[in-house]
Amino acid sequence: MEEWKLLIYFHGLLKNYGIYKQIKIMSDIRQEMDQVINELKNKGIHQATNPNEVTGLGDVLESALTKFGITQERYKSWFGLEECGCTERKKWLNGLFSWHTKK
C-alpha cells in the first residue's frame, strides 16, 4: 500500500475512535502541568539528581494516605488483589512531579 493511502487510512481510524479528542485533552493537560511546574520553579522548588534528597508527588500521597491507615496491604485486602499497582503509580507520580528537599 502506498504511503499516502496508509496515512489516509490511519487518519480515518484516528478520527473514528476519538483519538483526536484524546490528543487534544492530553495537550491541554500538558499545558496545565507545565504551568504548575513553572510555578514550582518560581517558588524555588527544583528537581534534584540525588534521589535521597528528592521528594515527589507519589511520596507525598503515600505519606498522607498512610496517616489515615490506607496502605498497599490494606488496599489489596479490601479489593482482594494480589497486586494493586501502587508502586508503579508512585514512581510515575514521582517522575511527574519531584522537587529537591533541603536537609
PDB file of N, CA and C in Angstrom:
ATOM      1  N   MET A   1       0.848  -1.169   0.000  1.00  0.00           N
ATOM      2  CA  MET A   1       0.000   0.000   0.000  1.00  0.00           C
ATOM      3  C   MET A   1       0.904   1.246   0.000  1.00  0.00           C
ATOM      4  N   GLU A   2       0.538   2.230  -0.761  1.00  0.00           N
ATOM      5  CA  GLU A   2       1.340   3.437  -0.848  1.00  0.00           C
ATOM      6  C   GLU A   2       1.230   4.235   0.443  1.00  0.00           C
ATOM      7  N   GLU A   3       2.246   5.063   0.708  1.00  0.00           N
ATOM      8  CA  GLU A   3       2.303   5.828   1.949  1.00  0.00           C
ATOM      9  C   GLU A   3       1.082   6.725   2.147  1.00  0.00           C
ATOM     10  N   TRP A   4       0.683   7.436   1.110  1.00  0.00           N
ATOM     11  CA  TRP A   4      -0.434   8.367   1.267  1.00  0.00           C
ATOM     12  C   TRP A   4      -1.728   7.627   1.565  1.00  0.00           C
ATOM     13  N   LYS A   5      -1.879   6.420   1.015  1.00  0.00           N
ATOM     14  CA  LYS A   5      -3.081   5.631   1.310  1.00  0.00           C
ATOM     15  C   LYS A   5      -3.079   5.189   2.773  1.00  0.00           C
ATOM     16  N   LEU A   6      -1.892   4.816   3.271  1.00  0.00           N
ATOM     17  CA  LEU A   6      -1.785   4.435   4.681  1.00  0.00           C
ATOM     18  C   LEU A   6      -2.110   5.613   5.591  1.00  0.00           C
ATOM     19  N   LEU A   7      -1.610   6.799   5.220  1.00  0.00           N
ATOM     20  CA  LEU A   7      -1.887   7.984   6.016  1.00  0.00           C
ATOM     21  C   LEU A   7      -3.381   8.289   6.061  1.00  0.00           C
ATOM     22  N   ILE A   8      -4.036   8.195   4.933  1.00  0.00           N
ATOM     23  CA  ILE A   8      -5.482   8.433   4.881  1.00  0.00           C
ATOM     24  C   ILE A   8      -6.222   7.390   5.711  1.00  0.00           C
ATOM     25  N   TYR A   9      -5.782   6.134   5.604  1.00  0.00           N
ATOM     26  CA  TYR A   9      -6.400   5.048   6.366  1.00  0.00           C
ATOM     27  C   TYR A   9      -6.273   5.302   7.869  1.00  0.00           C
ATOM     28  N   PHE A  10      -5.062   5.612   8.338  1.00  0.00           N
ATOM     29  CA  PHE A  10      -4.845   5.850   9.761  1.00  0.00           C
ATOM     30  C   PHE A  10      -5.545   7.125  10.227  1.00  0.00           C
ATOM     31  N   HIS A  11      -5.608   8.123   9.377  1.00  0.00           N
ATOM     32  CA  HIS A  11      -6.340   9.347   9.698  1.00  0.00           C
ATOM     33  C   HIS A  11      -7.805   9.009   9.986  1.00  0.00           C
ATOM     34  N   GLY A  12      -8.384   8.173   9.142  1.00  0.00           N
ATOM     35  CA  GLY A  12      -9.773   7.754   9.344  1.00  0.00           C
ATOM     36  C   GLY A  12      -9.956   6.979  10.636  1.00  0.00           C
ATOM     37  N   LEU A  13      -9.005   6.084  10.937  1.00  0.00           N
ATOM     38  CA  LEU A  13      -9.078   5.325  12.186  1.00  0.00           C
ATOM     39  C   LEU A  13      -9.015   6.245  13.394  1.00  0.00           C
ATOM     40  N   LEU A  14      -8.060   7.162  13.365  1.00  0.00           N
ATOM     41  CA  LEU A  14      -7.903   8.084  14.487  1.00  0.00           C
ATOM     42  C   LEU A  14      -9.162   8.919  14.687  1.00  0.00           C
ATOM     43  N   LYS A  15      -9.708   9.402  13.594  1.00  0.00           N
ATOM     44  CA  LYS A  15     -10.906  10.234  13.673  1.00  0.00           C
ATOM     45  C   LYS A  15     -12.085   9.431  14.206  1.00  0.00           C
ATOM     46  N   ASN A  16     -12.234   8.212  13.712  1.00  0.00           N
ATOM     47  CA  ASN A  16     -13.359   7.374  14.124  1.00  0.00           C
ATOM     48  C   ASN A  16     -13.299   6.985  15.594  1.00  0.00           C
ATOM     49  N   TYR A  17     -12.122   6.780  16.130  1.00  0.00           N
ATOM     50  CA  TYR A  17     -12.002   6.320  17.507  1.00  0.00           C
ATOM     51  C   TYR A  17     -11.808   7.450  18.507  1.00  0.00           C
ATOM     52  N   GLY A  18     -11.986   8.663  18.086  1.00  0.00           N
ATOM     53  CA  GLY A  18     -11.912   9.788  19.007  1.00  0.00           C
ATOM     54  C   GLY A  18     -10.517  10.087  19.497  1.00  0.00           C
ATOM     55  N   ILE A  19      -9.524   9.591  18.785  1.00  0.00           N
ATOM     56  CA  ILE A  19      -8.148   9.816  19.207  1.00  0.00           C
ATOM     57  C   ILE A  19      -7.808  11.300  19.149  1.00  0.00           C
ATOM     58  N   TYR A  20      -8.349  11.983  18.158  1.00  0.00           N
ATOM     59  CA  TYR A  20      -8.069  13.414  18.059  1.00  0.00           C
ATOM     60  C   TYR A  20      -8.493  14.141  19.329  1.00  0.00           C
ATOM     61  N   LYS A  21      -9.650  13.789  19.854  1.00  0.00           N
ATOM     62  CA  LYS A  21     -10.143  14.422  21.070  1.00  0.00           C
ATOM     63  C   LYS A  21      -9.213  14.099  22.240  1.00  0.00           C
ATOM     64  N   GLN A  22      -8.765  12.848  22.324  1.00  0.00           N
ATOM     65  CA  GLN A  22      -7.856  12.455  23.395  1.00  0.00           C
ATOM     66  C   GLN A  22      -6.523  13.178  23.279  1.00  0.00           C
ATOM     67  N   ILE A  23      -6.026  13.344  22.060  1.00  0.00           N
ATOM     68  CA  ILE A  23      -4.772  14.052  21.852  1.00  0.00           C
ATOM     69  C   ILE A  23      -4.925  15.505  22.296  1.00  0.00           C
ATOM     70  N   LYS A  24      -6.052  16.122  21.990  1.00  0.00           N
ATOM     71  CA  LYS A  24      -6.319  17.497  22.390  1.00  0.00           C
ATOM     72  C   LYS A  24      -6.369  17.604  23.907  1.00  0.00           C
ATOM     73  N   ILE A  25      -7.026  16.657  24.563  1.00  0.00           N
ATOM     74  CA  ILE A  25      -7.114  16.654  26.019  1.00  0.00           C
ATOM     75  C   ILE A  25      -5.720  16.504  26.623  1.00  0.00           C
ATOM     76  N   MET A  26      -4.906  15.591  26.075  1.00  0.00           N
ATOM     77  CA  MET A  26      -3.546  15.399  26.569  1.00  0.00           C
ATOM     78  C   MET A  26      -2.718  16.663  26.382  1.00  0.00           C
ATOM     79  N   SER A  27      -2.923  17.354  25.280  1.00  0.00           N
ATOM     80  CA  SER A  27      -2.212  18.603  25.029  1.00  0.00           C
ATOM     81  C   SER A  27      -2.599  19.648  26.071  1.00  0.00           C
ATOM     82  N   ASP A  28      -3.884  19.731  26.387  1.00  0.00           N
ATOM     83  CA  ASP A  28      -4.353  20.668  27.404  1.00  0.00           C
ATOM     84  C   ASP A  28      -3.772  20.321  28.774  1.00  0.00           C
ATOM     85  N   ILE A  29      -3.742  19.031  29.095  1.00  0.00           N
ATOM     86  CA  ILE A  29      -3.186  18.586  30.375  1.00  0.00           C
ATOM     87  C   ILE A  29      -1.704  18.927  30.446  1.00  0.00           C
ATOM     88  N   ARG A  30      -0.987  18.700  29.353  1.00  0.00           N
ATOM     89  CA  ARG A  30       0.449  19.007  29.313  1.00  0.00           C
ATOM     90  C   ARG A  30       0.672  20.496  29.575  1.00  0.00           C
ATOM     91  N   GLN A  31      -0.159  21.364  28.983  1.00  0.00           N
ATOM     92  CA  GLN A  31      -0.021  22.804  29.207  1.00  0.00           C
ATOM     93  C   GLN A  31      -0.271  23.156  30.675  1.00  0.00           C
ATOM     94  N   GLU A  32      -1.276  22.535  31.281  1.00  0.00           N
ATOM     95  CA  GLU A  32      -1.564  22.786  32.685  1.00  0.00           C
ATOM     96  C   GLU A  32      -0.418  22.299  33.569  1.00  0.00           C
ATOM     97  N   MET A  33       0.138  21.125  33.251  1.00  0.00           N
ATOM     98  CA  MET A  33       1.265  20.598  34.027  1.00  0.00           C
ATOM     99  C   MET A  33       2.469  21.519  33.904  1.00  0.00           C
ATOM    100  N   ASP A  34       2.718  22.037  32.705  1.00  0.00           N
ATOM    101  CA  ASP A  34       3.834  22.961  32.503  1.00  0.00           C
ATOM    102  C   ASP A  34       3.652  24.215  33.349  1.00  0.00           C
ATOM    103  N   GLN A  35       2.430  24.701  33.463  1.00  0.00           N
ATOM    104  CA  GLN A  35       2.165  25.875  34.295  1.00  0.00           C
ATOM    105  C   GLN A  35       2.476  25.582  35.761  1.00  0.00           C
ATOM    106  N   VAL A  36       2.070  24.400  36.224  1.00  0.00           N
ATOM    107  CA  VAL A  36       2.334  24.016  37.618  1.00  0.00           C
ATOM    108  C   VAL A  36       3.840  23.901  37.847  1.00  0.00           C
ATOM    109  N   ILE A  37       4.531  23.249  36.930  1.00  0.00           N
ATOM    110  CA  ILE A  37       5.979  23.079  37.060  1.00  0.00           C
ATOM    111  C   ILE A  37       6.677  24.433  37.078  1.00  0.00           C
ATOM    112  N   ASN A  38       6.275  25.330  36.204  1.00  0.00           N
ATOM    113  CA  ASN A  38       6.878  26.663  36.189  1.00  0.00           C
ATOM    114  C   ASN A  38       6.611  27.407  37.493  1.00  0.00           C
ATOM    115  N   GLU A  39       5.428  27.253  38.042  1.00  0.00           N
ATOM    116  CA  GLU A  39       5.109  27.904  39.315  1.00  0.00           C
ATOM    117  C   GLU A  39       5.977  27.341  40.440  1.00  0.00           C
ATOM    118  N   LEU A  40       6.175  26.012  40.454  1.00  0.00           N
ATOM    119  CA  LEU A  40       7.052  25.403  41.457  1.00  0.00           C
ATOM    120  C   LEU A  40       8.480  25.921  41.304  1.00  0.00           C
ATOM    121  N   LYS A  41       8.952  26.034  40.070  1.00  0.00           N
ATOM    122  CA  LYS A  41      10.295  26.557  39.830  1.00  0.00           C
ATOM    123  C   LYS A  41      10.413  27.994  40.320  1.00  0.00           C
ATOM    124  N   ASN A  42       9.378  28.791  40.092  1.00  0.00           N
ATOM    125  CA  ASN A  42       9.388  30.180  40.557  1.00  0.00           C
ATOM    126  C   ASN A  42       9.457  30.273  42.077  1.00  0.00           C
ATOM    127  N   LYS A  43       8.943  29.252  42.749  1.00  0.00           N
ATOM    128  CA  LYS A  43       8.977  29.247  44.215  1.00  0.00           C
ATOM    129  C   LYS A  43      10.242  28.585  44.756  1.00  0.00           C
ATOM    130  N   GLY A  44      11.168  28.232  43.855  1.00  0.00           N
ATOM    131  CA  GLY A  44      12.452  27.674  44.280  1.00  0.00           C
ATOM    132  C   GLY A  44      12.467  26.174  44.441  1.00  0.00           C
ATOM    133  N   ILE A  45      11.458  25.501  43.952  1.00  0.00           N
ATOM    134  CA  ILE A  45      11.404  24.042  44.041  1.00  0.00           C
ATOM    135  C   ILE A  45      11.891  23.480  42.712  1.00  0.00           C
ATOM    136  N   HIS A  46      13.026  22.760  42.772  1.00  0.00           N
ATOM    137  CA  HIS A  46      13.620  22.217  41.556  1.00  0.00           C
ATOM    138  C   HIS A  46      13.885  20.731  41.725  1.00  0.00           C
ATOM    139  N   GLN A  47      13.957  20.039  40.625  1.00  0.00           N
ATOM    140  CA  GLN A  47      14.265  18.616  40.651  1.00  0.00           C
ATOM    141  C   GLN A  47      15.749  18.448  40.913  1.00  0.00           C
ATOM    142  N   ALA A  48      16.098  17.530  41.786  1.00  0.00           N
ATOM    143  CA  ALA A  48      17.498  17.280  42.117  1.00  0.00           C
ATOM    144  C   ALA A  48      17.941  15.942  41.548  1.00  0.00           C
ATOM    145  N   THR A  49      19.237  15.753  41.448  1.00  0.00           N
ATOM    146  CA  THR A  49      19.748  14.500  40.910  1.00  0.00           C
ATOM    147  C   THR A  49      19.992  13.462  41.990  1.00  0.00           C
ATOM    148  N   ASN A  50      20.156  13.887  43.222  1.00  0.00           N
ATOM    149  CA  ASN A  50      20.384  12.956  44.317  1.00  0.00           C
ATOM    150  C   ASN A  50      19.046  12.394  44.786  1.00  0.00           C
ATOM    151  N   PRO A  51      18.799  11.090  44.585  1.00  0.00           N
ATOM    152  CA  PRO A  51      17.489  10.530  44.946  1.00  0.00           C
ATOM    153  C   PRO A  51      17.191  10.593  46.440  1.00  0.00           C
ATOM    154  N   ASN A  52      18.225  10.707  47.289  1.00  0.00           N
ATOM    155  CA  ASN A  52      17.979  10.793  48.728  1.00  0.00           C
ATOM    156  C   ASN A  52      17.460  12.167  49.136  1.00  0.00           C
ATOM    157  N   GLU A  53      17.594  13.139  48.258  1.00  0.00           N
ATOM    158  CA  GLU A  53      17.144  14.491  48.562  1.00  0.00           C
ATOM    159  C   GLU A  53      15.954  14.908  47.708  1.00  0.00           C
ATOM    160  N   VAL A  54      15.295  13.934  47.108  1.00  0.00           N
ATOM    161  CA  VAL A  54      14.165  14.240  46.245  1.00  0.00           C
ATOM    162  C   VAL A  54      12.891  13.686  46.858  1.00  0.00           C
ATOM    163  N   THR A  55      11.872  14.516  46.884  1.00  0.00           N
ATOM    164  CA  THR A  55      10.547  14.092  47.297  1.00  0.00           C
ATOM    165  C   THR A  55       9.632  14.311  46.107  1.00  0.00           C
ATOM    166  N   GLY A  56       8.729  13.396  45.887  1.00  0.00           N
ATOM    167  CA  GLY A  56       7.830  13.525  44.760  1.00  0.00           C
ATOM    168  C   GLY A  56       6.382  13.445  45.190  1.00  0.00           C
ATOM    169  N   LEU A  57       5.511  13.712  44.220  1.00  0.00           N
ATOM    170  CA  LEU A  57       4.081  13.683  44.474  1.00  0.00           C
ATOM    171  C   LEU A  57       3.640  12.309  44.973  1.00  0.00           C
ATOM    172  N   GLY A  58       4.210  11.257  44.423  1.00  0.00           N
ATOM    173  CA  GLY A  58       3.871   9.902  44.863  1.00  0.00           C
ATOM    174  C   GLY A  58       4.226   9.671  46.321  1.00  0.00           C
ATOM    175  N   ASP A  59       5.397  10.186  46.741  1.00  0.00           N
ATOM    176  CA  ASP A  59       5.810  10.064  48.142  1.00  0.00           C
ATOM    177  C   ASP A  59       4.854  10.805  49.066  1.00  0.00           C
ATOM    178  N   VAL A  60       4.463  11.997  48.647  1.00  0.00           N
ATOM    179  CA  VAL A  60       3.555  12.814  49.458  1.00  0.00           C
ATOM    180  C   VAL A  60       2.197  12.128  49.599  1.00  0.00           C
ATOM    181  N   LEU A  61       1.664  11.605  48.497  1.00  0.00           N
ATOM    182  CA  LEU A  61       0.365  10.915  48.561  1.00  0.00           C
ATOM    183  C   LEU A  61       0.442   9.669  49.428  1.00  0.00           C
ATOM    184  N   GLU A  62       1.521   8.902  49.277  1.00  0.00           N
ATOM    185  CA  GLU A  62       1.680   7.704  50.090  1.00  0.00           C
ATOM    186  C   GLU A  62       1.724   8.064  51.574  1.00  0.00           C
ATOM    187  N   SER A  63       2.459   9.097  51.910  1.00  0.00           N
ATOM    188  CA  SER A  63       2.566   9.538  53.304  1.00  0.00           C
ATOM    189  C   SER A  63       1.203   9.965  53.850  1.00  0.00           C
ATOM    190  N   ALA A  64       0.472  10.743  53.067  1.00  0.00           N
ATOM    191  CA  ALA A  64      -0.843  11.220  53.518  1.00  0.00           C
ATOM    192  C   ALA A  64      -1.816  10.055  53.702  1.00  0.00           C
ATOM    193  N   LEU A  65      -1.856   9.140  52.752  1.00  0.00           N
ATOM    194  CA  LEU A  65      -2.774   8.009  52.857  1.00  0.00           C
ATOM    195  C   LEU A  65      -2.408   7.104  54.034  1.00  0.00           C
ATOM    196  N   THR A  66      -1.110   6.928  54.261  1.00  0.00           N
ATOM    197  CA  THR A  66      -0.654   6.089  55.370  1.00  0.00           C
ATOM    198  C   THR A  66      -1.097   6.680  56.715  1.00  0.00           C
ATOM    199  N   LYS A  67      -1.105   7.994  56.818  1.00  0.00           N
ATOM    200  CA  LYS A  67      -1.553   8.636  58.060  1.00  0.00           C
ATOM    201  C   LYS A  67      -3.011   8.309  58.368  1.00  0.00           C
ATOM    202  N   PHE A  68      -3.786   8.019  57.332  1.00  0.00           N
ATOM    203  CA  PHE A  68      -5.191   7.649  57.520  1.00  0.00           C
ATOM    204  C   PHE A  68      -5.380   6.135  57.537  1.00  0.00           C
ATOM    205  N   GLY A  69      -4.273   5.391  57.568  1.00  0.00           N
ATOM    206  CA  GLY A  69      -4.340   3.936  57.648  1.00  0.00           C
ATOM    207  C   GLY A  69      -4.563   3.240  56.320  1.00  0.00           C
ATOM    208  N   ILE A  70      -4.417   3.961  55.226  1.00  0.00           N
ATOM    209  CA  ILE A  70      -4.599   3.357  53.910  1.00  0.00           C
ATOM    210  C   ILE A  70      -3.223   2.986  53.364  1.00  0.00           C
ATOM    211  N   THR A  71      -2.912   1.701  53.439  1.00  0.00           N
ATOM    212  CA  THR A  71      -1.630   1.197  52.955  1.00  0.00           C
ATOM    213  C   THR A  71      -1.862   0.273  51.772  1.00  0.00           C
ATOM    214  N   GLN A  72      -0.777  -0.096  51.116  1.00  0.00           N
ATOM    215  CA  GLN A  72      -0.900  -1.024  49.978  1.00  0.00           C
ATOM    216  C   GLN A  72      -1.524  -2.346  50.431  1.00  0.00           C
ATOM    217  N   GLU A  73      -1.094  -2.841  51.582  1.00  0.00           N
ATOM    218  CA  GLU A  73      -1.595  -4.122  52.072  1.00  0.00           C
ATOM    219  C   GLU A  73      -3.102  -4.059  52.342  1.00  0.00           C
ATOM    220  N   ARG A  74      -3.536  -2.974  52.974  1.00  0.00           N
ATOM    221  CA  ARG A  74      -4.972  -2.818  53.257  1.00  0.00           C
ATOM    222  C   ARG A  74      -5.772  -2.704  51.965  1.00  0.00           C
ATOM    223  N   TYR A  75      -5.257  -1.908  51.024  1.00  0.00           N
ATOM    224  CA  TYR A  75      -5.941  -1.726  49.748  1.00  0.00           C
ATOM    225  C   TYR A  75      -6.106  -3.069  49.046  1.00  0.00           C
ATOM    226  N   LYS A  76      -5.037  -3.866  49.023  1.00  0.00           N
ATOM    227  CA  LYS A  76      -5.096  -5.186  48.392  1.00  0.00           C
ATOM    228  C   LYS A  76      -6.120  -6.075  49.078  1.00  0.00           C
ATOM    229  N   SER A  77      -6.154  -6.050  50.421  1.00  0.00           N
ATOM    230  CA  SER A  77      -7.093  -6.915  51.141  1.00  0.00           C
ATOM    231  C   SER A  77      -8.541  -6.459  50.949  1.00  0.00           C
ATOM    232  N   TRP A  78      -8.767  -5.150  50.893  1.00  0.00           N
ATOM    233  CA  TRP A  78     -10.121  -4.645  50.689  1.00  0.00           C
ATOM    234  C   TRP A  78     -10.715  -5.109  49.372  1.00  0.00           C
ATOM    235  N   PHE A  79      -9.891  -5.126  48.321  1.00  0.00           N
ATOM    236  CA  PHE A  79     -10.383  -5.448  46.986  1.00  0.00           C
ATOM    237  C   PHE A  79      -9.961  -6.827  46.498  1.00  0.00           C
ATOM    238  N   GLY A  80      -9.331  -7.620  47.373  1.00  0.00           N
ATOM    239  CA  GLY A  80      -8.937  -8.971  47.020  1.00  0.00           C
ATOM    240  C   GLY A  80      -7.924  -9.036  45.887  1.00  0.00           C
ATOM    241  N   LEU A  81      -6.956  -8.150  45.910  1.00  0.00           N
ATOM    242  CA  LEU A  81      -5.961  -8.072  44.841  1.00  0.00           C
ATOM    243  C   LEU A  81      -4.634  -8.681  45.289  1.00  0.00           C
ATOM    244  N   GLU A  82      -3.934  -9.287  44.346  1.00  0.00           N
ATOM    245  CA  GLU A  82      -2.578  -9.743  44.633  1.00  0.00           C
ATOM    246  C   GLU A  82      -1.601  -8.597  44.440  1.00  0.00           C
ATOM    247  N   GLU A  83      -1.854  -7.770  43.433  1.00  0.00           N
ATOM    248  CA  GLU A  83      -1.016  -6.598  43.145  1.00  0.00           C
ATOM    249  C   GLU A  83      -1.932  -5.437  42.822  1.00  0.00           C
ATOM    250  N   CYS A  84      -1.665  -4.284  43.452  1.00  0.00           N
ATOM    251  CA  CYS A  84      -2.544  -3.131  43.263  1.00  0.00           C
ATOM    252  C   CYS A  84      -1.968  -2.103  42.295  1.00  0.00           C
ATOM    253  N   GLY A  85      -0.679  -2.192  41.982  1.00  0.00           N
ATOM    254  CA  GLY A  85      -0.066  -1.222  41.081  1.00  0.00           C
ATOM    255  C   GLY A  85       0.319   0.073  41.779  1.00  0.00           C
ATOM    256  N   CYS A  86       0.254   0.102  43.106  1.00  0.00           N
ATOM    257  CA  CYS A  86       0.553   1.321  43.857  1.00  0.00           C
ATOM    258  C   CYS A  86       1.993   1.773  43.649  1.00  0.00           C
ATOM    259  N   THR A  87       2.914   0.842  43.638  1.00  0.00           N
ATOM    260  CA  THR A  87       4.330   1.190  43.490  1.00  0.00           C
ATOM    261  C   THR A  87       4.594   1.826  42.136  1.00  0.00           C
ATOM    262  N   GLU A  88       3.984   1.297  41.086  1.00  0.00           N
ATOM    263  CA  GLU A  88       4.166   1.868  39.757  1.00  0.00           C
ATOM    264  C   GLU A  88       3.569   3.266  39.672  1.00  0.00           C
ATOM    265  N   ARG A  89       2.385   3.448  40.268  1.00  0.00           N
ATOM    266  CA  ARG A  89       1.756   4.779  40.274  1.00  0.00           C
ATOM    267  C   ARG A  89       2.603   5.770  41.058  1.00  0.00           C
ATOM    268  N   LYS A  90       3.156   5.323  42.184  1.00  0.00           N
ATOM    269  CA  LYS A  90       4.005   6.193  42.991  1.00  0.00           C
ATOM    270  C   LYS A  90       5.228   6.635  42.185  1.00  0.00           C
ATOM    271  N   LYS A  91       5.880   5.690  41.507  1.00  0.00           N
ATOM    272  CA  LYS A  91       7.044   6.027  40.685  1.00  0.00           C
ATOM    273  C   LYS A  91       6.655   6.984  39.570  1.00  0.00           C
ATOM    274  N   TRP A  92       5.517   6.751  38.945  1.00  0.00           N
ATOM    275  CA  TRP A  92       5.061   7.609  37.850  1.00  0.00           C
ATOM    276  C   TRP A  92       4.806   9.025  38.359  1.00  0.00           C
ATOM    277  N   LEU A  93       4.117   9.142  39.489  1.00  0.00           N
ATOM    278  CA  LEU A  93       3.832  10.460  40.055  1.00  0.00           C
ATOM    279  C   LEU A  93       5.119  11.161  40.513  1.00  0.00           C
ATOM    280  N   ASN A  94       6.053  10.394  41.072  1.00  0.00           N
ATOM    281  CA  ASN A  94       7.336  10.980  41.455  1.00  0.00           C
ATOM    282  C   ASN A  94       8.082  11.497  40.232  1.00  0.00           C
ATOM    283  N   GLY A  95       7.990  10.763  39.132  1.00  0.00           N
ATOM    284  CA  GLY A  95       8.629  11.211  37.901  1.00  0.00           C
ATOM    285  C   GLY A  95       7.952  12.436  37.317  1.00  0.00           C
ATOM    286  N   LEU A  96       6.677  12.537  37.532  1.00  0.00           N
ATOM    287  CA  LEU A  96       5.910  13.660  37.005  1.00  0.00           C
ATOM    288  C   LEU A  96       6.179  14.933  37.793  1.00  0.00           C
ATOM    289  N   PHE A  97       6.140  14.840  39.121  1.00  0.00           N
ATOM    290  CA  PHE A  97       6.374  15.990  39.990  1.00  0.00           C
ATOM    291  C   PHE A  97       7.341  15.599  41.095  1.00  0.00           C
ATOM    292  N   SER A  98       8.557  16.063  41.007  1.00  0.00           N
ATOM    293  CA  SER A  98       9.572  15.834  42.031  1.00  0.00           C
ATOM    294  C   SER A  98      10.252  17.160  42.344  1.00  0.00           C
ATOM    295  N   TRP A  99      10.732  17.287  43.557  1.00  0.00           N
ATOM    296  CA  TRP A  99      11.418  18.510  43.929  1.00  0.00           C
ATOM    297  C   TRP A  99      12.514  18.208  44.933  1.00  0.00           C
ATOM    298  N   HIS A 100      13.437  19.104  45.014  1.00  0.00           N
ATOM    299  CA  HIS A 100      14.600  18.997  45.893  1.00  0.00           C
ATOM    300  C   HIS A 100      14.197  19.402  47.308  1.00  0.00           C
ATOM    301  N   THR A 101      14.569  18.586  48.283  1.00  0.00           N
ATOM    302  CA  THR A 101      14.277  18.925  49.664  1.00  0.00           C
ATOM    303  C   THR A 101      15.562  19.369  50.358  1.00  0.00           C
ATOM    304  N   LYS A 102      15.455  20.357  51.189  1.00  0.00           N
ATOM    305  CA  LYS A 102      16.624  20.842  51.935  1.00  0.00           C
ATOM    306  C   LYS A 102      16.793  19.986  53.169  1.00  0.00           C
ATOM    307  N   LYS A 103      18.012  19.517  53.383  1.00  0.00           N
ATOM    308  CA  LYS A 103      18.290  18.689  54.571  1.00  0.00           C
ATOM    309  C   LYS A 103      19.300  19.360  55.441  1.00  0.00           C
TER     310      LYS A 103
END
